[in-house]
């Protein structure tokens, strides 16, 4: 009787003791946030880095939600901060995280033309890319992410108006958040803006200067329109660079350059600014041809 009394009567007490020995099933997770900073396992943007970039290995990241969805990738808002250490104030920054989708869901926009001139060394990878197998799509995803990250780094070093690329880890790229970091509201696209005539002329000059610098280096955006240019504090910032085109090296390079010019010239012309599309394309094509 005594044995049964102990076994049946003290169940709650035994459960309490068991709970006191319970261990965290995910002991490597940070005490706050969703993951530790991935800085140490990533490729990094160019130096000197902006002061807001947090490189501490003790930093944590938290996904704050989706900023934008697209054909090839979704962009999330991620907060990275260093948890408080005693009386030291916590340092925090907000970034945009561009995440290319898994292979089975991916729809790369006209990727066949853009991939002209991009080659990988292994014939197995080339065959897989050509056949669009699951592995091939993963190779393409990595190429898109790597191409955009590399392009942003080069463009940033040329002082062009692009987001600073913080880091690249596989197919996730963290970059500068363009917008209000306090509210996490992203800057509007140029397509949403209704600028007056004076501002319109200034914005066109900004964009034309960017196009000229690109052409001088032999590049074209490749998919430029008012939908992938942000307007932030009267300054244009050009985004979405995975398909950046080598105008000379790509057999369709001048075609992509002409389409870029047509898209933006049409937008500005429709809002009352006279833009000579043929003249602009001719000037840019000459600059690109002279870059070799």
Protein backbone atom coordinates (compact mmCIF):
# COMPACT_ATOMS: atom_id res chain seq x y z
CA UNK A 1 0.00 0.00 0.00
CA UNK A 2 2.76 2.37 0.95
CA UNK A 3 4.56 1.78 -2.37
CA UNK A 4 1.38 2.44 -4.35
CA UNK A 5 0.62 5.55 -2.28
CA UNK A 6 3.98 7.06 -3.14
CA UNK A 7 3.65 6.18 -6.83
CA UNK A 8 0.14 7.51 -7.24
CA UNK A 9 0.02 10.29 -4.71
CA UNK A 10 3.17 12.18 -5.66
CA UNK A 11 2.77 12.30 -9.46
CA UNK A 12 2.52 16.08 -9.50
CA UNK A 13 5.59 16.37 -7.30
CA UNK A 14 7.57 14.04 -9.57
CA UNK A 15 6.51 16.03 -12.63
CA UNK A 16 7.69 19.18 -10.89
CA UNK A 17 11.10 17.60 -10.25
CA UNK A 18 11.30 16.48 -13.89
CA UNK A 19 10.56 20.00 -15.09
CA UNK A 20 13.37 21.34 -12.94
CA UNK A 21 15.78 19.18 -14.95
CA UNK A 22 14.28 20.08 -18.34
CA UNK A 23 16.78 21.39 -20.85
CA UNK A 24 16.42 23.72 -23.80
CA UNK A 25 15.83 21.59 -26.89
CA UNK A 26 17.52 24.27 -29.04
CA UNK A 27 20.39 25.41 -26.82
CA UNK A 28 22.28 27.02 -29.72
CA UNK A 29 19.50 29.50 -30.53
CA UNK A 30 19.89 33.11 -29.34
CA UNK A 31 17.95 34.17 -26.22
CA UNK A 32 16.11 36.74 -28.35
CA UNK A 33 15.62 37.17 -32.08
CA UNK A 34 15.30 34.26 -34.50
CA UNK A 35 18.90 33.42 -35.35
CA UNK A 36 22.44 34.45 -34.65
CA UNK A 37 24.02 36.81 -37.15
CA UNK A 38 25.24 34.94 -40.24
CA UNK A 39 28.04 37.43 -40.85
CA UNK A 40 30.81 34.91 -40.19
CA UNK A 41 29.55 32.44 -42.82
CA UNK A 42 28.84 34.98 -45.56
CA UNK A 43 30.56 36.95 -48.29
CA UNK A 44 30.83 40.63 -47.39
CA UNK A 45 30.24 43.91 -49.19
CA UNK A 46 33.03 46.29 -50.17
CA UNK A 47 35.07 48.31 -47.70
CA UNK A 48 34.93 50.82 -46.25
CA UNK A 49 31.58 49.71 -44.88
CA UNK A 50 28.90 52.20 -43.83
CA UNK A 51 28.83 52.81 -40.09
CA UNK A 52 25.39 51.22 -39.69
CA UNK A 53 26.61 47.76 -40.73
CA UNK A 54 26.76 45.43 -37.70
CA UNK A 55 29.47 42.77 -37.94
CA UNK A 56 29.44 41.48 -34.33
CA UNK A 57 29.19 37.70 -34.16
CA UNK A 58 27.05 38.09 -31.03
CA UNK A 59 24.37 39.97 -32.97
CA UNK A 60 20.96 38.44 -33.61
CA UNK A 61 18.55 38.72 -36.55
CA UNK A 62 14.77 38.87 -36.62
CA UNK A 63 12.51 38.74 -39.68
CA UNK A 64 9.96 41.58 -39.46
CA UNK A 65 7.90 40.59 -42.50
CA UNK A 66 7.70 40.73 -46.29
CA UNK A 67 8.54 44.02 -47.98
CA UNK A 68 8.08 42.98 -51.62
CA UNK A 69 7.35 39.85 -53.64
CA UNK A 70 8.73 39.25 -57.08
CA UNK A 71 9.09 36.66 -59.84
CA UNK A 72 12.51 35.42 -58.73
CA UNK A 73 12.70 36.38 -55.06
CA UNK A 74 10.93 37.88 -52.08
CA UNK A 75 12.35 40.76 -50.06
CA UNK A 76 11.92 40.73 -46.28
CA UNK A 77 12.72 43.32 -43.62
CA UNK A 78 15.29 42.02 -41.12
CA UNK A 79 16.38 43.69 -37.91
CA UNK A 80 19.89 42.93 -36.65
CA UNK A 81 20.97 44.04 -33.22
CA UNK A 82 23.49 43.39 -30.48
CA UNK A 83 21.69 42.42 -27.25
CA UNK A 84 22.27 44.71 -24.28
CA UNK A 85 25.44 44.13 -22.33
CA UNK A 86 25.03 45.66 -18.85
CA UNK A 87 24.63 49.41 -19.31
CA UNK A 88 25.82 49.44 -22.92
CA UNK A 89 23.01 50.59 -25.24
CA UNK A 90 21.88 48.03 -27.79
CA UNK A 91 23.00 48.74 -31.37
CA UNK A 92 20.41 48.02 -34.03
CA UNK A 93 19.97 48.26 -37.79
CA UNK A 94 17.26 47.38 -40.29
CA UNK A 95 18.15 45.69 -43.58
CA UNK A 96 16.40 44.27 -46.62
CA UNK A 97 16.83 40.51 -47.09
CA UNK A 98 16.41 39.32 -50.67
CA UNK A 99 15.72 35.58 -50.72
CA UNK A 100 15.63 33.70 -54.00
CA UNK A 101 12.96 31.04 -53.97
CA UNK A 102 13.52 27.26 -53.80
CA UNK A 103 14.02 25.60 -57.18
CA UNK A 104 10.60 24.02 -57.46
CA UNK A 105 8.89 27.44 -57.12
CA UNK A 106 11.30 29.58 -59.04
CA UNK A 107 10.29 31.44 -62.19
CA UNK A 108 13.26 33.38 -63.50
CA UNK A 109 12.11 36.20 -65.73
CA UNK A 110 13.44 35.61 -69.26
CA UNK A 111 16.57 34.05 -67.76
CA UNK A 112 17.71 32.33 -70.96
CA UNK A 113 18.74 35.61 -72.59
CA UNK A 114 20.37 37.03 -69.49
CA UNK A 115 22.43 33.88 -68.94
CA UNK A 116 24.15 34.39 -72.29
CA UNK A 117 27.79 34.97 -71.49
CA UNK A 118 27.49 33.59 -67.95
CA UNK A 119 29.29 30.29 -67.77
CA UNK A 120 30.23 27.79 -65.09
CA UNK A 121 33.28 25.56 -65.26
CA UNK A 122 31.65 22.19 -64.66
CA UNK A 123 29.97 20.61 -67.68
CA UNK A 124 27.51 18.83 -65.35
CA UNK A 125 26.29 22.19 -64.11
CA UNK A 126 26.05 23.56 -67.64
CA UNK A 127 23.93 20.58 -68.73
CA UNK A 128 21.70 20.87 -65.67
CA UNK A 129 21.18 24.59 -66.26
CA UNK A 130 20.32 23.99 -69.92
CA UNK A 131 17.80 21.26 -69.04
CA UNK A 132 16.34 23.23 -66.11
CA UNK A 133 16.60 20.23 -63.79
CA UNK A 134 16.04 20.84 -60.08
CA UNK A 135 19.80 20.96 -59.55
CA UNK A 136 20.16 23.22 -62.57
CA UNK A 137 17.63 25.65 -61.17
CA UNK A 138 19.56 25.73 -57.91
CA UNK A 139 22.73 26.56 -59.85
CA UNK A 140 20.87 29.35 -61.64
CA UNK A 141 19.56 30.66 -58.32
CA UNK A 142 23.07 30.82 -56.93
CA UNK A 143 24.24 32.59 -60.08
CA UNK A 144 21.44 35.16 -59.83
CA UNK A 145 22.22 35.89 -56.19
CA UNK A 146 25.95 36.02 -56.79
CA UNK A 147 25.55 38.20 -59.89
CA UNK A 148 23.42 40.74 -58.04
CA UNK A 149 25.65 40.81 -54.98
CA UNK A 150 28.77 41.26 -57.09
CA UNK A 151 27.12 43.91 -59.23
CA UNK A 152 25.95 45.92 -56.23
CA UNK A 153 29.46 45.87 -54.80
CA UNK A 154 31.00 47.17 -58.03
CA UNK A 155 28.28 49.77 -58.52
CA UNK A 156 28.60 50.95 -54.91
CA UNK A 157 32.34 51.44 -55.42
CA UNK A 158 31.49 53.59 -58.46
CA UNK A 159 29.34 55.72 -56.15
CA UNK A 160 26.17 54.85 -58.04
CA UNK A 161 22.78 55.11 -56.28
CA UNK A 162 22.25 51.47 -55.29
CA UNK A 163 21.63 49.77 -51.92
CA UNK A 164 24.82 48.82 -50.09
CA UNK A 165 25.25 45.00 -50.24
CA UNK A 166 25.92 43.86 -46.66
CA UNK A 167 26.43 40.13 -47.12
CA UNK A 168 25.59 37.08 -49.24
CA UNK A 169 24.91 33.64 -47.78
CA UNK A 170 23.93 31.04 -50.38
CA UNK A 171 20.80 32.58 -51.96
CA UNK A 172 20.03 35.17 -49.28
CA UNK A 173 21.41 38.67 -49.72
CA UNK A 174 21.22 41.26 -46.97
CA UNK A 175 21.44 44.84 -48.17
CA UNK A 176 20.71 48.42 -47.20
CA UNK A 177 17.06 49.14 -46.41
CA UNK A 178 15.85 52.07 -48.50
CA UNK A 179 13.05 53.78 -46.60
CA UNK A 180 12.16 54.75 -43.03
CA UNK A 181 13.98 52.42 -40.60
CA UNK A 182 11.79 53.58 -37.70
CA UNK A 183 8.52 52.45 -39.29
CA UNK A 184 10.11 49.87 -41.64
CA UNK A 185 8.15 51.40 -44.51
CA UNK A 186 10.06 51.07 -47.76
CA UNK A 187 10.61 53.97 -50.15
CA UNK A 188 8.00 54.17 -52.94
CA UNK A 189 8.79 53.12 -56.48
CA UNK A 190 9.25 55.85 -59.05
CA UNK A 191 6.14 54.49 -60.79
CA UNK A 192 4.09 55.60 -57.78
CA UNK A 193 5.50 59.15 -57.72
CA UNK A 194 3.77 62.25 -59.08
CA UNK A 195 6.66 64.74 -59.31
CA UNK A 196 6.24 68.32 -60.50
CA UNK A 197 8.05 69.47 -63.64
CA UNK A 198 11.14 70.80 -61.85
CA UNK A 199 11.54 67.65 -59.81
CA UNK A 200 10.87 65.51 -62.87
CA UNK A 201 13.78 67.14 -64.71
CA UNK A 202 16.07 66.63 -61.73
CA UNK A 203 15.08 62.96 -61.43
CA UNK A 204 15.73 62.40 -65.12
CA UNK A 205 19.19 63.91 -64.83
CA UNK A 206 19.90 61.63 -61.88
CA UNK A 207 18.82 58.58 -63.85
CA UNK A 208 20.65 59.64 -67.00
CA UNK A 209 23.89 60.10 -65.05
CA UNK A 210 23.48 56.57 -63.68
CA UNK A 211 22.86 55.15 -67.16
CA UNK A 212 25.91 56.96 -68.53
CA UNK A 213 28.19 55.62 -65.79
CA UNK A 214 26.87 52.12 -66.40
CA UNK A 215 27.47 52.42 -70.15
CA UNK A 216 30.99 53.78 -69.62
CA UNK A 217 31.72 50.54 -67.78
CA UNK A 218 30.05 48.40 -70.46
CA UNK A 219 26.90 47.57 -68.50
CA UNK A 220 23.15 47.87 -68.78
CA UNK A 221 20.65 47.21 -66.03
CA UNK A 222 18.81 44.77 -68.27
CA UNK A 223 15.32 45.12 -66.80
CA UNK A 224 15.07 48.82 -65.99
CA UNK A 225 11.72 50.53 -65.52
CA UNK A 226 9.99 52.92 -63.14
CA UNK A 227 9.06 49.87 -61.05
CA UNK A 228 12.61 49.06 -59.97
CA UNK A 229 13.72 52.59 -59.18
CA UNK A 230 12.96 53.88 -55.68
CA UNK A 231 12.41 57.51 -54.77
CA UNK A 232 13.81 58.26 -51.33
CA UNK A 233 14.17 61.85 -50.06
CA UNK A 234 14.31 63.28 -53.61
CA UNK A 235 17.01 60.77 -54.55
CA UNK A 236 16.62 57.88 -56.98
CA UNK A 237 17.94 54.47 -55.94
CA UNK A 238 18.08 51.74 -58.58
CA UNK A 239 17.31 48.20 -57.38
CA UNK A 240 16.96 44.64 -58.77
CA UNK A 241 20.30 43.90 -60.41
CA UNK A 242 20.50 40.08 -60.80
CA UNK A 243 20.23 40.33 -64.60
CA UNK A 244 22.88 43.06 -65.08
CA UNK A 245 24.06 42.79 -68.67
CA UNK A 246 27.50 43.00 -70.24
CA UNK A 247 26.47 45.05 -73.27
CA UNK A 248 29.38 43.88 -75.42
CA UNK A 249 29.71 40.32 -74.13
CA UNK A 250 26.02 39.43 -74.36
CA UNK A 251 24.81 38.89 -77.95
CA UNK A 252 21.60 40.75 -77.04
CA UNK A 253 23.35 43.41 -74.97
CA UNK A 254 22.40 46.40 -77.10
CA UNK A 255 18.83 45.12 -77.29
CA UNK A 256 18.62 45.13 -73.49
CA UNK A 257 20.18 48.59 -73.34
CA UNK A 258 17.66 49.93 -75.85
CA UNK A 259 14.77 48.43 -73.90
CA UNK A 260 16.04 50.03 -70.67
CA UNK A 261 16.13 53.42 -72.38
CA UNK A 262 12.69 52.92 -73.92
CA UNK A 263 11.08 51.98 -70.61
CA UNK A 264 12.32 54.97 -68.63
CA UNK A 265 12.12 57.49 -71.48
CA UNK A 266 8.48 56.52 -72.06
CA UNK A 267 7.67 57.02 -68.38
CA UNK A 268 9.24 60.49 -68.22
CA UNK A 269 7.76 61.56 -71.56
CA UNK A 270 4.27 60.50 -70.45
CA UNK A 271 4.64 62.86 -67.47
CA UNK A 272 5.49 65.88 -69.57
CA UNK A 273 9.30 65.82 -69.88
CA UNK A 274 10.53 65.73 -73.46
CA UNK A 275 13.10 62.91 -73.75
CA UNK A 276 14.69 62.03 -77.09
CA UNK A 277 14.82 58.27 -76.73
CA UNK A 278 16.83 57.67 -79.92
CA UNK A 279 19.45 60.25 -78.97
CA UNK A 280 19.83 58.88 -75.45
CA UNK A 281 20.22 55.32 -76.72
CA UNK A 282 22.75 56.41 -79.33
CA UNK A 283 24.88 58.21 -76.74
CA UNK A 284 24.76 55.28 -74.32
CA UNK A 285 25.53 52.74 -77.05
CA UNK A 286 28.58 54.78 -78.05
CA UNK A 287 29.77 54.88 -74.45
CA UNK A 288 29.30 51.12 -74.08
CA UNK A 289 31.12 50.42 -77.35
CA UNK A 290 34.02 52.59 -76.19
CA UNK A 291 34.30 50.70 -72.88
CA UNK A 292 36.17 47.75 -74.40
